[in-house]
Amino acid sequence: MRSAKRVVIVADCDHPSIEIEQGVLKDICPEIRWLACRTEDEVIAQCQDGEGILIQYAPMTRRVLEQLPRCKVIARYGVGVDTVDLLAASDLGIVVSNVPDYGTNEVSDHALAMMLCLTRKVPQANAQIKRGQWDFRLMYPVHRHQVQTIGIVGVGRIGQAMAHKTHALGMKVVAYDPYVNPDSLPDYITLVSLEDLLRQSDVVSVHCPLTDVTRNMLDESMLRLMKPSAYLVNTARGCIVDEVALDKLLTEKKLAGAAMDVLAVEPGPMTHPLFKHENFYCTPHMAWHSEESAQELKRKAAEETRRVLRGEAPLYQVNKF
């Protein structure tokens, strides 16, 4: 029996093509509309007939969702779903799914790379050499990882992968996650309060989702609990860290350095105050990316859309109703 034809829309994505999605969905949607919606009004105007909608950054507020009468599933290219009003989607019977496992290794590898750049002072050394200063003493102090503690904020898939990799370096691992089952964690991870994590850690690595609870969770009062010799790494979401407070602490030399793959507003403007600090490193929200993860992301988002539209149970639903 032929599958019923459905209307599937890619509301926005900055990928070079949607060939993978087209291949997965071709039997139920021969032609996928590929749009570039950036605002609520654009989504409402262009996606009203969508039954399955794939999104990257498009805002899915209650106002938008109420104007999508045919929508059965919203599939997000990525892990975070902070651009979607999950309560509104549940009220309207719309499945919201993400792809939680496509970039676990990539993001944890990227966080590890950022940490190593900070702790081993690789970028500073490179910059000094290019200025004609070949002198390792300019990098003082550098400490071995086996005497350092890493604090991981959020020990889901990515946080646990980061814990595994830093434990392999010989680091002591402490973590904060009020939602995790302690029995599910390996014995080398010690759960502590957020305050104790910040006080103890030589490196703090952020791996929690952005929610109303975690927004600006690392504000000035929390950041000031960190050692002046400590480093901060954030590959989760920009708004978890108060960037104004971080700039203040780096200016006061109350932190040894920071590295972030995410900012509160992206792309970050050239005038961003954090960019003036030589011990602040930034990458353009690329931690998730590899050729392999990009393909997996697209395939799984499309497969999830196909499942729901065929009346099958979703694998990655994040809302409840």
Foldseek 3Di string as FASTA:
>chain_A
DQAAAFAEEAAADPDPDLVLLCVLCCRRHVDYHYHHAAELVSLLVPQQRHQEYEYEQHAAELVSVVSNLNHAEYEYLAQADVSHPQVSCVVNNHFYFYDNPLQLPLLLVVLVVLVCCQQVVVVVCVVCVVVVHNDCVVVPDHDQQLVFEEEEEDCDSNSLVNVVVSVVSNHQYEYEDPPDDVVVHDPSYHYDHLLVNQQRGQEYEYADEDDPCQFCCQPLVSNLSHALNHEYEYLHEARSHDLVSVLVCVVVSRHSAYEYAYHNDPPDDPVRSVVVRPRYYYHPSCSRDDPRSSSVSSNLSSNQSVQVSSVHDGDGGDHDD
